[in-house]
Protein backbone atom coordinates (compact mmCIF):
# COMPACT_ATOMS: atom_id res chain seq x y z
CA MET A 1 61.34 -192.01 -38.72
CA ARG A 2 59.41 -193.77 -41.47
CA THR A 3 61.12 -194.44 -44.79
CA HIS A 4 58.02 -195.69 -46.60
CA PRO A 5 54.37 -194.60 -46.50
CA ALA A 6 51.85 -196.63 -44.52
CA ILE A 7 51.35 -199.90 -46.38
CA HIS A 8 47.61 -199.93 -45.63
CA ALA A 9 46.97 -196.59 -47.34
CA PRO A 10 45.65 -196.62 -50.93
CA TRP A 11 48.43 -196.68 -53.51
CA TYR A 12 47.70 -193.15 -54.74
CA ARG A 13 47.94 -191.75 -51.25
CA GLN A 14 51.22 -193.52 -50.73
CA ALA A 15 52.46 -191.98 -53.99
CA ALA A 16 51.26 -188.51 -52.97
CA GLU A 17 53.16 -188.91 -49.70
CA VAL A 18 56.39 -190.11 -51.33
CA ILE A 19 56.62 -187.61 -54.21
CA PRO A 20 57.32 -184.47 -52.10
CA ARG A 21 60.04 -186.25 -50.07
CA HIS A 22 63.55 -184.97 -50.87
CA PHE A 23 61.99 -182.75 -53.50
CA TYR A 24 65.11 -180.65 -54.02
CA VAL A 25 67.32 -183.72 -54.32
CA LYS A 26 64.95 -185.15 -56.92
CA SER A 27 64.50 -181.96 -58.94
CA ILE A 28 68.08 -180.70 -58.81
CA GLY A 29 69.50 -184.18 -59.22
CA THR A 30 67.42 -184.87 -62.30
CA THR A 31 68.28 -181.53 -63.84
CA LEU A 32 71.99 -181.96 -63.10
CA PHE A 33 72.01 -185.48 -64.48
CA ILE A 34 70.34 -184.43 -67.76
CA SER A 35 72.70 -181.48 -68.15
CA LEU A 36 75.81 -183.57 -67.60
CA PHE A 37 74.50 -186.28 -69.88
CA PHE A 38 73.83 -183.91 -72.76
CA GLY A 39 77.22 -182.25 -72.27
CA ALA A 40 79.01 -185.56 -72.73
CA TYR A 41 76.55 -186.69 -75.40
CA PHE A 42 77.06 -183.72 -77.73
CA TYR A 43 80.82 -183.71 -77.15
CA LEU A 44 81.04 -187.28 -78.40
CA LEU A 45 78.88 -186.47 -81.42
CA LYS A 46 81.15 -183.61 -82.41
CA HIS A 47 84.38 -185.50 -81.72
CA PRO A 48 84.00 -189.13 -82.90
CA ALA A 49 87.13 -191.17 -82.16
CA HIS A 50 86.64 -193.61 -85.06
CA PRO A 51 84.97 -193.73 -88.49
CA ILE A 52 81.17 -193.83 -88.29
CA THR A 53 79.34 -197.04 -89.20
CA VAL A 54 75.93 -196.71 -90.89
CA MET A 55 73.48 -199.16 -89.34
CA PRO A 56 71.47 -201.50 -91.64
CA ARG A 57 67.75 -201.41 -92.18
CA THR A 58 65.62 -204.47 -91.54
CA TRP A 59 62.08 -205.57 -92.41
CA LEU A 60 60.80 -203.85 -89.25
CA ASP A 61 62.01 -200.48 -90.51
CA SER A 62 60.06 -201.02 -93.71
CA LEU A 63 56.97 -202.08 -91.77
CA ILE A 64 56.84 -198.95 -89.58
CA GLY A 65 56.36 -195.84 -91.66
CA PHE A 66 57.46 -192.29 -90.98
CA GLU A 67 55.05 -190.47 -88.68
CA PRO A 68 55.82 -186.82 -87.71
CA MET A 69 52.96 -186.89 -85.20
CA ALA A 70 55.08 -189.24 -83.09
CA LEU A 71 57.45 -186.40 -82.18
CA PRO A 72 55.57 -185.36 -78.96
CA VAL A 73 55.72 -188.98 -77.79
CA TYR A 74 59.45 -189.08 -78.56
CA LEU A 75 60.02 -185.92 -76.53
CA SER A 76 57.88 -187.20 -73.68
CA LEU A 77 60.83 -189.33 -72.61
CA TRP A 78 62.10 -186.45 -70.47
CA VAL A 79 58.87 -186.49 -68.46
CA TYR A 80 58.80 -190.29 -68.34
CA VAL A 81 62.33 -190.76 -66.95
CA SER A 82 61.45 -188.36 -64.10
CA LEU A 83 58.67 -190.63 -62.77
CA PRO A 84 60.65 -193.45 -61.09
CA PRO A 85 62.85 -191.12 -58.98
CA ALA A 86 59.74 -189.20 -57.96
CA LEU A 87 58.39 -192.38 -56.35
CA LEU A 88 61.56 -193.19 -54.41
CA ALA A 89 61.23 -192.63 -50.65
CA THR A 90 64.76 -192.25 -49.28
CA ARG A 91 68.01 -190.56 -50.23
CA GLN A 92 69.72 -193.94 -50.33
CA GLU A 93 67.18 -195.12 -52.89
CA LEU A 94 67.67 -191.97 -54.94
CA TYR A 95 71.44 -192.27 -54.94
CA GLY A 96 71.31 -195.94 -55.89
CA TYR A 97 68.86 -195.32 -58.68
CA GLY A 98 70.87 -192.35 -59.96
CA MET A 99 74.03 -194.44 -59.98
CA ALA A 100 72.40 -197.24 -61.91
CA MET A 101 70.86 -194.89 -64.50
CA GLY A 102 74.14 -192.99 -64.76
CA LEU A 103 76.11 -196.19 -65.42
CA THR A 104 73.55 -197.22 -68.05
CA CYS A 105 74.11 -193.94 -69.90
CA LEU A 106 77.91 -194.15 -69.45
CA ALA A 107 77.85 -197.62 -70.98
CA GLY A 108 75.98 -196.26 -74.01
CA LEU A 109 78.34 -193.26 -74.36
CA ALA A 110 81.36 -195.57 -74.12
CA ILE A 111 79.97 -197.61 -76.98
CA PHE A 112 79.43 -194.42 -79.01
CA TYR A 113 83.06 -193.48 -78.39
CA VAL A 114 84.51 -196.88 -79.34
CA TRP A 115 82.04 -197.60 -82.14
CA PRO A 116 80.24 -194.48 -83.42
CA THR A 117 77.21 -195.37 -85.53
CA ALA A 118 74.57 -193.54 -87.53
CA ALA A 119 71.10 -194.29 -88.81
CA PRO A 120 70.92 -194.45 -92.63
CA ALA A 121 69.70 -191.28 -94.33
CA ALA A 122 65.91 -191.31 -94.77
CA ASP A 123 64.40 -190.50 -98.13
CA ILE A 124 62.37 -187.63 -96.64
CA ASP A 125 62.23 -183.94 -97.45
CA TRP A 126 62.64 -182.59 -93.94
CA SER A 127 61.75 -179.04 -95.05
CA ARG A 128 58.15 -180.29 -95.27
CA TYR A 129 58.21 -181.08 -91.56
CA PRO A 130 59.46 -177.96 -89.76
CA GLN A 131 58.56 -179.47 -86.37
CA MET A 132 61.18 -182.15 -87.03
CA LEU A 133 63.92 -179.82 -88.27
CA PHE A 134 65.18 -178.74 -84.85
CA LEU A 135 65.64 -182.37 -83.83
CA LYS A 136 67.46 -183.30 -87.07
CA ASN A 137 69.65 -180.18 -86.89
CA MET A 138 70.50 -180.77 -83.24
CA ASP A 139 71.44 -184.42 -83.68
CA ALA A 140 74.58 -185.66 -85.35
CA SER A 141 76.08 -188.97 -86.42
CA GLY A 142 77.71 -191.31 -83.93
CA ASN A 143 74.88 -192.01 -81.46
CA ALA A 144 72.69 -194.60 -83.16
CA CYS A 145 73.44 -197.97 -81.58
CA PRO A 146 72.39 -198.66 -78.91
CA SER A 147 69.50 -196.20 -78.75
CA LEU A 148 69.92 -194.48 -75.38
CA HIS A 149 66.43 -193.10 -75.87
CA VAL A 150 65.11 -196.65 -75.80
CA ALA A 151 67.57 -197.85 -73.17
CA THR A 152 66.59 -195.14 -70.63
CA ALA A 153 62.89 -195.55 -71.43
CA PHE A 154 63.00 -199.33 -70.85
CA PHE A 155 65.13 -198.95 -67.73
CA SER A 156 62.59 -196.46 -66.39
CA ALA A 157 59.65 -198.70 -67.34
CA VAL A 158 61.06 -201.68 -65.42
CA TRP A 159 61.73 -199.55 -62.33
CA LEU A 160 58.38 -197.77 -62.53
CA HIS A 161 56.63 -201.14 -62.75
CA TYR A 162 58.49 -202.28 -59.64
CA LEU A 163 57.69 -199.12 -57.70
CA LEU A 164 54.02 -199.12 -58.66
CA ARG A 165 53.77 -202.75 -57.55
CA ARG A 166 55.44 -201.82 -54.27
CA LEU A 167 52.75 -199.18 -53.71
CA GLY A 168 50.01 -201.78 -54.37
CA SER A 169 48.95 -200.20 -57.65
CA PRO A 170 45.98 -201.68 -59.57
CA TRP A 171 46.46 -202.99 -63.08
CA TRP A 172 45.65 -199.84 -65.06
CA PRO A 173 48.67 -197.67 -63.97
CA LEU A 174 50.87 -200.65 -64.86
CA LEU A 175 49.21 -200.82 -68.28
CA ILE A 176 49.69 -197.09 -68.83
CA ASN A 177 53.34 -197.49 -67.92
CA GLY A 178 53.82 -200.28 -70.45
CA VAL A 179 51.92 -198.46 -73.18
CA TRP A 180 53.85 -195.25 -72.64
CA CYS A 181 57.18 -197.04 -72.81
CA GLY A 182 56.04 -198.92 -75.92
CA ALA A 183 54.92 -195.66 -77.53
CA ILE A 184 58.36 -194.08 -76.91
CA VAL A 185 60.06 -197.07 -78.44
CA TYR A 186 57.73 -196.87 -81.47
CA SER A 187 58.40 -193.14 -81.81
CA THR A 188 62.15 -193.66 -82.21
CA LEU A 189 61.42 -195.63 -85.36
CA ALA A 190 58.52 -193.51 -86.56
CA THR A 191 60.56 -190.27 -86.35
CA ARG A 192 63.46 -192.00 -88.17
CA GLN A 193 65.85 -191.24 -85.35
CA HIS A 194 66.90 -194.89 -85.19
CA VAL A 195 66.54 -198.18 -86.98
CA ALA A 196 65.33 -201.46 -85.52
CA VAL A 197 68.83 -202.78 -84.72
CA ASP A 198 69.44 -199.69 -82.54
CA ILE A 199 66.16 -200.30 -80.73
CA GLU A 200 66.99 -203.93 -80.02
CA ALA A 201 70.39 -202.97 -78.62
CA GLY A 202 68.79 -200.26 -76.51
CA LEU A 203 66.25 -202.71 -75.08
CA LEU A 204 69.09 -205.11 -74.22
CA LEU A 205 71.13 -202.39 -72.50
CA GLY A 206 68.23 -200.91 -70.58
CA GLY A 207 66.77 -204.27 -69.61
CA LEU A 208 70.12 -205.67 -68.40
CA ALA A 209 70.89 -202.56 -66.36
CA ALA A 210 67.42 -202.53 -64.77
CA TRP A 211 67.65 -206.23 -63.89
CA LEU A 212 71.10 -205.85 -62.34
CA SER A 213 70.13 -202.79 -60.34
CA LEU A 214 66.91 -204.34 -59.01
CA ARG A 215 68.71 -207.56 -58.23
CA HIS A 216 71.32 -205.64 -56.25
CA ARG A 217 68.56 -203.73 -54.45
CA ALA A 218 66.78 -206.98 -53.48
CA ARG A 219 70.01 -208.49 -52.16
CA THR A 220 70.76 -205.35 -50.17
CA GLU A 221 67.31 -205.32 -48.59
CA VAL A 222 67.55 -209.00 -47.62
CA ALA A 223 70.99 -208.48 -46.10
CA ALA A 224 69.83 -205.39 -44.19
CA LYS A 225 66.83 -207.20 -42.71
CA ALA A 226 69.03 -210.10 -41.67
CA GLY A 227 71.69 -207.77 -40.26
CA LEU A 228 74.37 -209.32 -42.51
CA PRO A 229 76.89 -207.70 -44.84
CA LEU A 230 76.10 -207.94 -48.53
CA ALA A 231 77.90 -210.91 -50.09
CA ALA A 232 80.41 -210.13 -52.79
CA ASP A 233 78.94 -210.20 -56.29
CA PRO A 234 81.32 -208.84 -58.98
CA ALA A 235 78.51 -208.34 -61.44
CA LEU A 236 76.76 -205.96 -59.08
CA HIS A 237 79.68 -203.93 -57.75
CA LEU A 238 79.28 -201.46 -60.62
CA LEU A 239 75.76 -200.64 -59.40
CA LYS A 240 76.67 -199.87 -55.81
């Protein structure tokens, strides 16, 4: 039984072959993950364990102005994070990816619990932007740094780049991937959901988690091809 599409097929045909595989695991798993995440997320926002720290503004926050039209890009994260698991071919890959993404979010939630933070209040009359009100009313203090919006976007971008390269993708889907991720990062500042320090911490968290998970995946594949057990690596045990 094949676990990957034929390597000589065009990349888009390989993608079309992989996407329907384990469809129910992908769809139900993604929905369940998002539901559990938001349950824990909103619980922590309503029950902070410590006093909330207001994050500082930097020159980058002054450089990037408020832009309500960035809201659709901000919300597009929930489509974007569904793309990497859609391109995974086996249940083992799906479980490994889900574990790595889950641990990334748990790390962020743990930081929110130990050190709740908030973005500084913006000098904006939100009643003039009704499309933004639901987001501002839904959110609460305690979830600013690191930005999990940015962390999950960057984690997804690194994995999607890897998966597209594995399919033999040309340059333009890789460019779209990078631009989309960059636009989501920009939108977190432009909607005033976060400040630059939150973004930087989110990039660090998402990038580190993606690097560790892909490193573990590469080591596992090499060991499997050689018929050898995976050597102990304490830094990677969390991503198994």
